[in-house]
Every structure is written in C-alpha cells, then in structure tokens.
Amino acid sequence: MTDPDKGASIFKAQDAVERTDPVADRLWSEHRSEPTPRTRENIILHYSNMVKYVAGRVSVGLPPSVEYGDLVSYGVVGLLDAIEKFNPERGVKFETYAVARIKGAIIDELRAGDWVPRSVRSQAREIEKAYAVLEGELRRAPTDQEVAEKLKMTREEYLNVLGELSFVSIVALDELISVGGERSESISIADTLPDSRASDPLQTFELEEMKDAMARAIDELPVREKTIVSLYYYEGLTMREIAAVFGVSEARICQMHTRAILRLRGKLTRSMGTEQD
C-alpha cells in the first residue's frame, strides 16, 4: 500500500499537542456536563481528521491487500476507546493520548492479521540478537562493521539487509519491538506515552517496568538514532520531514530508523531477559 497522505495536510500530531482548540474545549465541556450519544458523536466528528492522519502514516509500506478505509475504521475504535477512558486530571492532553490509542488500535488489528512475512521476522530477530550480544560484550553500541561480522556478513551485505527491512512498514517494525511472545507482555514506543486507563496494581507495576526499560533503551541510543526516534514517535514528524532536518535522503532516514528499532529490540531483550524463538 502506498501512503495516501490523507489527513496529513489538515492535521499534524505535534500541532494538536501544542495548540489551543476552543471548539474541542466546548465539545468536551458539553460532554462532561451531560454525556449523551450526541455529545460523543460531536467529539468523534471533531477528531475524525486525526484518525485519518494517523491511518495515513501507518499505511506507509503496507501491502495492497490492506485497505486504507479499514485502517481508518480500526483507528475510530481507538478514538472511541480514548474518549471513554481519557482522564484530564492526569495532566495529559487528549490529542497526545488519543494519537497513541488510535495507532495502538490499528496496530492491534494488523498484529491479529499477522501479515509480517516470516523472512522479515527472521532477519529482524537475527540482527536484534546480534545487537544484544555485542552490547553485552562491548558495553557500548556496536558499529555496523561489528554487527556485520557477528552475522558473518560483509558491511555492505548488512546495510543491504537494513535497506530491505526499511521497506517494511513502520508498523511492522514497531510491532517487532514487542517484548516477550505474548500480547500481554508487549509494549510499543507509542505505549511509553502516558495512559490514563486504570489497571490493577500488578499490571500497572509491570507496565511501568517495561516503560522504564524502553525509556532507558531510547536514551542509550546513538545521538542521531535517538533524535530520529524522538522526532518520529514523539514529535509526529514524517520520515520526509526528518530527512529535511538531517539534510539526507528519506531512504537514509528509513534505514537509520530501522537500525534504531532493531537496536532497541536487542537492548530490551537483554535488559528484560526475554527472547523470542
């Protein structure tokens, strides 16, 4: 699937976080004072472009069999969940919370379809294992040459593999960062955003542990990779916009993003003592 770029020109995630929206404030005030199906529908309609924007970003690199309209439908489910569970007293803006929930709902549906090719999973896991082993041995981030040697490849062959993996959707790579083999044990970068959902104490403690591990892993990334992760996942920039910031090609940024994600996966595998087959 190619990126339809729908909604991108009319909604930016980072803009939503920063701007004041008097219309949204009024709709939320009406809904909180007297919640009805009508007041909820008004909020849904107001944020419909946000769903389209997130679906457009997620669609990059997906196979043609995945319909953009389906992604929007999945995203609406996430928006409904966000509206129902949002707690303004937690100090998180609704837009920040909703974007994470919308993307999470879409990713959950894609995970359920298990569309990521087995060869992609295999390549990604071999690289992440190499990162985990080398970081444990070297106590620093390994170079491309060191990872290539560990994988018994030339540096050029290794970079070619990274290039091939970078053609896989961002969603696939985000899904591959899950820790452990069960969905209940998984966490994506989006999950590190504050969540206002109430959970039982044990579940909350385990999730916080994983969030802390993710935050530490991101902080330990090389500067350029850490910047890319921050700009893409937290600031809402597209790969094209990040490429303009760095003054390099979009393909190069995609490759660096792939390296960062696989490096994170290796760090998390090592720090949490988990390993997937």
Protein backbone atom coordinates (compact mmCIF):
# COMPACT_ATOMS: atom_id res chain seq x y z
CA MET A 1 0.00 0.00 0.00
CA THR A 2 1.29 3.45 -0.86
CA ASP A 3 0.79 6.34 1.51
CA PRO A 4 -2.43 8.15 0.54
CA ASP A 5 -1.28 11.04 2.73
CA LYS A 6 -4.92 11.60 3.64
CA GLY A 7 -5.44 13.93 6.54
CA ALA A 8 -1.75 14.86 6.72
CA SER A 9 -2.28 18.31 5.24
CA ILE A 10 -5.08 19.14 7.65
CA PHE A 11 -3.78 17.63 10.86
CA LYS A 12 -0.38 17.29 12.47
CA ALA A 13 0.02 15.39 15.72
CA GLN A 14 2.53 17.84 17.10
CA ASP A 15 0.30 20.79 16.23
CA ALA A 16 -2.58 19.19 18.12
CA VAL A 17 -0.45 18.86 21.22
CA GLU A 18 0.68 22.48 21.16
CA ARG A 19 -2.37 24.44 20.03
CA THR A 20 -5.40 25.58 21.97
CA ASP A 21 -8.64 24.33 20.42
CA PRO A 22 -11.65 26.30 21.71
CA VAL A 23 -14.09 24.16 19.72
CA ALA A 24 -12.73 20.99 21.30
CA ASP A 25 -12.85 22.62 24.74
CA ARG A 26 -16.52 23.45 24.22
CA LEU A 27 -17.38 19.95 22.98
CA TRP A 28 -15.62 18.33 25.92
CA SER A 29 -17.34 20.69 28.36
CA GLU A 30 -20.75 19.76 26.94
CA HIS A 31 -19.93 16.05 27.03
CA ARG A 32 -18.71 16.13 30.62
CA SER A 33 -21.65 18.16 31.91
CA GLU A 34 -24.25 15.92 30.26
CA PRO A 35 -22.81 12.97 28.32
CA THR A 36 -25.10 11.70 25.56
CA PRO A 37 -24.57 9.77 22.30
CA ARG A 38 -24.90 13.13 20.54
CA THR A 39 -22.14 14.86 22.52
CA ARG A 40 -19.85 11.86 21.99
CA GLU A 41 -20.60 11.88 18.26
CA ASN A 42 -19.68 15.57 18.09
CA ILE A 43 -16.28 14.80 19.63
CA ILE A 44 -15.75 11.89 17.23
CA LEU A 45 -16.53 14.09 14.23
CA HIS A 46 -14.24 16.83 15.51
CA TYR A 47 -11.29 14.43 15.74
CA SER A 48 -12.04 12.44 12.57
CA ASN A 49 -9.19 14.12 10.69
CA MET A 50 -6.80 12.98 13.42
CA VAL A 51 -7.83 9.37 12.75
CA LYS A 52 -7.27 9.86 9.01
CA TYR A 53 -3.85 11.40 9.65
CA VAL A 54 -2.70 8.51 11.86
CA ALA A 55 -4.10 5.94 9.41
CA GLY A 56 -2.25 7.67 6.58
CA ARG A 57 1.06 7.49 8.42
CA VAL A 58 0.51 3.87 9.40
CA SER A 59 -0.33 2.88 5.82
CA VAL A 60 3.21 3.53 4.55
CA GLY A 61 4.72 0.26 3.29
CA LEU A 62 1.68 -1.92 3.94
CA PRO A 63 0.74 -4.47 1.25
CA PRO A 64 -2.02 -3.58 -1.27
CA SER A 65 -4.36 -6.04 0.43
CA VAL A 66 -4.64 -3.69 3.42
CA GLU A 67 -7.29 -1.07 2.69
CA TYR A 68 -6.84 2.49 3.91
CA GLY A 69 -10.53 2.56 4.85
CA ASP A 70 -10.02 -0.43 7.11
CA LEU A 71 -7.19 1.37 8.90
CA VAL A 72 -9.48 4.34 9.47
CA SER A 73 -12.15 2.01 10.88
CA TYR A 74 -9.63 0.46 13.27
CA GLY A 75 -8.50 3.94 14.25
CA VAL A 76 -12.05 5.04 15.05
CA VAL A 77 -12.22 2.17 17.54
CA GLY A 78 -9.09 3.59 19.17
CA LEU A 79 -10.61 7.07 19.22
CA LEU A 80 -13.77 5.76 20.90
CA ASP A 81 -11.61 4.00 23.49
CA ALA A 82 -9.66 7.21 24.09
CA ILE A 83 -12.83 9.26 24.55
CA GLU A 84 -14.22 6.75 27.02
CA LYS A 85 -11.08 6.36 29.11
CA PHE A 86 -9.47 9.80 28.95
CA ASN A 87 -8.85 11.38 32.34
CA PRO A 88 -7.89 15.08 32.11
CA GLU A 89 -6.75 15.07 35.73
CA ARG A 90 -3.69 13.04 34.68
CA GLY A 91 -2.27 16.18 33.04
CA VAL A 92 -2.03 14.69 29.54
CA LYS A 93 -3.61 16.47 26.57
CA PHE A 94 -6.35 14.45 24.91
CA GLU A 95 -4.71 14.72 21.50
CA THR A 96 -1.48 13.19 22.80
CA TYR A 97 -3.37 10.37 24.47
CA ALA A 98 -5.71 9.78 21.51
CA VAL A 99 -2.97 9.57 18.88
CA ALA A 100 -1.30 6.78 20.85
CA ARG A 101 -4.59 4.92 21.32
CA ILE A 102 -5.61 5.32 17.66
CA LYS A 103 -2.29 4.00 16.43
CA GLY A 104 -2.40 1.24 19.03
CA ALA A 105 -5.83 0.09 17.86
CA ILE A 106 -4.65 -0.04 14.24
CA ILE A 107 -1.50 -1.95 15.16
CA ASP A 108 -3.51 -4.42 17.25
CA GLU A 109 -5.67 -5.27 14.23
CA LEU A 110 -2.63 -5.63 11.99
CA ARG A 111 -0.97 -7.87 14.56
CA ALA A 112 -4.11 -10.02 14.63
CA GLY A 113 -3.77 -10.43 10.86
CA ASP A 114 -0.12 -11.49 11.29
CA TRP A 115 0.82 -10.08 7.87
CA VAL A 116 4.52 -9.55 8.57
CA PRO A 117 6.43 -12.08 6.39
CA ARG A 118 8.30 -14.80 8.27
CA SER A 119 11.53 -13.89 6.45
CA VAL A 120 11.25 -10.33 7.78
CA ARG A 121 10.77 -11.56 11.33
CA SER A 122 13.73 -13.91 10.96
CA GLN A 123 16.08 -11.23 9.63
CA ALA A 124 15.00 -8.72 12.26
CA ARG A 125 15.48 -11.17 15.10
CA GLU A 126 18.93 -12.22 13.94
CA ILE A 127 20.02 -8.58 13.92
CA GLU A 128 18.42 -7.80 17.28
CA LYS A 129 20.15 -10.83 18.84
CA ALA A 130 23.47 -9.65 17.42
CA TYR A 131 22.90 -6.20 18.95
CA ALA A 132 22.00 -7.74 22.32
CA VAL A 133 25.08 -9.98 22.43
CA LEU A 134 27.51 -7.31 21.22
CA GLU A 135 26.22 -4.63 23.58
CA GLY A 136 26.62 -7.07 26.45
CA GLU A 137 30.19 -7.85 25.41
CA LEU A 138 31.31 -4.36 24.39
CA ARG A 139 29.31 -2.29 26.90
CA ARG A 140 28.57 0.18 24.11
CA ALA A 141 26.62 0.42 20.88
CA PRO A 142 28.26 -1.82 18.26
CA THR A 143 29.27 -0.40 14.91
CA ASP A 144 27.80 -1.57 11.62
CA GLN A 145 31.04 -3.42 10.90
CA GLU A 146 30.92 -5.26 14.23
CA VAL A 147 27.29 -6.29 13.72
CA ALA A 148 28.05 -7.43 10.18
CA GLU A 149 30.95 -9.59 11.38
CA LYS A 150 28.76 -11.10 14.09
CA LEU A 151 26.22 -12.03 11.42
CA LYS A 152 29.01 -13.35 9.17
CA MET A 153 28.24 -10.73 6.53
CA THR A 154 30.18 -8.00 4.86
CA ARG A 155 29.28 -4.48 5.94
CA GLU A 156 27.70 -3.90 2.52
CA GLU A 157 25.55 -7.03 2.85
CA TYR A 158 24.42 -5.95 6.31
CA LEU A 159 23.48 -2.46 5.11
CA ASN A 160 21.56 -4.04 2.22
CA VAL A 161 19.57 -6.10 4.72
CA LEU A 162 18.80 -2.94 6.71
CA GLY A 163 17.68 -1.34 3.47
CA GLU A 164 15.34 -4.24 2.74
CA LEU A 165 13.91 -4.11 6.25
CA SER A 166 13.36 -0.36 5.94
CA PHE A 167 10.83 -1.03 3.18
CA VAL A 168 8.67 -2.81 5.73
CA SER A 169 6.01 -0.61 7.26
CA ILE A 170 6.83 1.43 10.34
CA VAL A 171 4.01 -0.51 11.97
CA ALA A 172 5.78 -3.81 11.35
CA LEU A 173 8.96 -2.53 12.95
CA ASP A 174 7.04 -1.07 15.89
CA GLU A 175 5.29 -4.43 16.29
CA LEU A 176 8.64 -6.22 16.24
CA ILE A 177 9.75 -4.27 19.28
CA SER A 178 7.28 -6.15 21.48
CA VAL A 179 8.89 -7.84 24.45
CA GLY A 180 8.11 -11.50 25.01
CA GLY A 181 5.91 -13.75 22.93
CA GLU A 182 2.51 -12.90 24.34
CA ARG A 183 0.43 -9.83 23.56
CA SER A 184 0.02 -9.19 27.28
CA GLU A 185 3.80 -8.79 27.51
CA SER A 186 4.24 -6.43 24.58
CA ILE A 187 4.94 -2.72 24.54
CA SER A 188 5.49 -0.38 21.61
CA ILE A 189 7.15 3.01 21.54
CA ALA A 190 3.70 4.61 21.47
CA ASP A 191 2.91 2.82 24.72
CA THR A 192 5.52 4.93 26.53
CA LEU A 193 3.14 7.88 26.28
CA PRO A 194 1.12 8.43 29.46
CA ASP A 195 -2.01 6.27 29.66
CA SER A 196 -4.97 7.32 31.77
CA ARG A 197 -6.53 3.86 31.89
CA ALA A 198 -6.83 2.37 35.34
CA SER A 199 -5.27 -1.07 35.78
CA ASP A 200 -4.78 -3.44 38.67
CA PRO A 201 -1.64 -2.70 40.75
CA LEU A 202 0.38 -5.67 39.44
CA GLN A 203 -0.39 -4.90 35.79
CA THR A 204 0.44 -1.24 36.36
CA PHE A 205 3.76 -2.14 38.02
CA GLU A 206 4.75 -4.48 35.16
CA LEU A 207 3.82 -1.90 32.52
CA GLU A 208 5.78 0.79 34.33
CA GLU A 209 8.82 -1.51 34.45
CA MET A 210 8.60 -2.01 30.69
CA LYS A 211 8.13 1.71 30.12
CA ASP A 212 11.22 2.44 32.22
CA ALA A 213 13.21 -0.14 30.26
CA MET A 214 12.04 1.40 26.98
CA ALA A 215 12.95 4.92 28.14
CA ARG A 216 16.43 3.80 29.21
CA ALA A 217 16.96 1.97 25.92
CA ILE A 218 15.97 5.02 23.90
CA ASP A 219 18.23 7.26 25.99
CA GLU A 220 21.20 4.95 25.31
CA LEU A 221 20.80 5.10 21.52
CA PRO A 222 23.44 6.94 19.48
CA VAL A 223 22.51 10.62 19.20
CA ARG A 224 21.26 10.56 15.60
CA GLU A 225 19.14 7.46 16.11
CA LYS A 226 17.70 8.84 19.35
CA THR A 227 16.81 12.06 17.55
CA ILE A 228 15.03 10.18 14.76
CA VAL A 229 13.01 8.14 17.26
CA SER A 230 12.08 11.30 19.16
CA LEU A 231 11.09 13.26 16.05
CA TYR A 232 9.03 10.43 14.58
CA TYR A 233 7.28 8.94 17.60
CA TYR A 234 7.02 11.91 19.97
CA GLU A 235 7.05 14.99 17.72
CA GLY A 236 4.96 13.45 14.94
CA LEU A 237 7.27 14.33 12.01
CA THR A 238 7.18 12.20 8.87
CA MET A 239 10.28 10.45 7.54
CA ARG A 240 10.39 13.01 4.73
CA GLU A 241 10.38 15.89 7.22
CA ILE A 242 13.08 14.24 9.33
CA ALA A 243 15.19 13.77 6.19
CA ALA A 244 14.94 17.51 5.56
CA VAL A 245 16.08 18.21 9.13
CA PHE A 246 19.15 15.99 8.69
CA GLY A 247 19.81 17.02 5.09
CA VAL A 248 19.87 13.42 3.83
CA SER A 249 17.58 11.26 1.72
CA GLU A 250 14.34 9.80 3.05
CA ALA A 251 15.69 6.32 2.30
CA ARG A 252 18.69 7.00 4.52
CA ILE A 253 16.43 8.12 7.39
CA CYS A 254 14.31 4.98 6.97
CA GLN A 255 17.47 2.87 7.19
CA MET A 256 18.62 4.69 10.33
CA HIS A 257 15.16 4.28 11.86
CA THR A 258 15.29 0.55 11.14
CA ARG A 259 18.69 0.30 12.82
CA ALA A 260 17.39 2.22 15.85
CA ILE A 261 14.33 -0.01 16.24
CA LEU A 262 16.32 -3.23 15.97
CA ARG A 263 18.92 -1.86 18.36
CA LEU A 264 16.12 -1.02 20.82
CA ARG A 265 14.69 -4.52 20.46
CA GLY A 266 18.10 -6.01 21.24
CA LYS A 267 18.50 -3.75 24.28
CA LEU A 268 15.07 -4.69 25.61
CA THR A 269 15.63 -8.40 25.01
CA ARG A 270 18.86 -8.22 27.02
CA SER A 271 17.62 -5.93 29.81
CA MET A 272 14.39 -7.85 30.42
CA GLY A 273 15.83 -11.32 29.96
CA THR A 274 13.39 -12.32 27.23
CA GLU A 275 13.98 -13.94 23.88
CA GLN A 276 11.61 -14.91 21.12
CA ASP A 277 12.09 -18.02 19.05
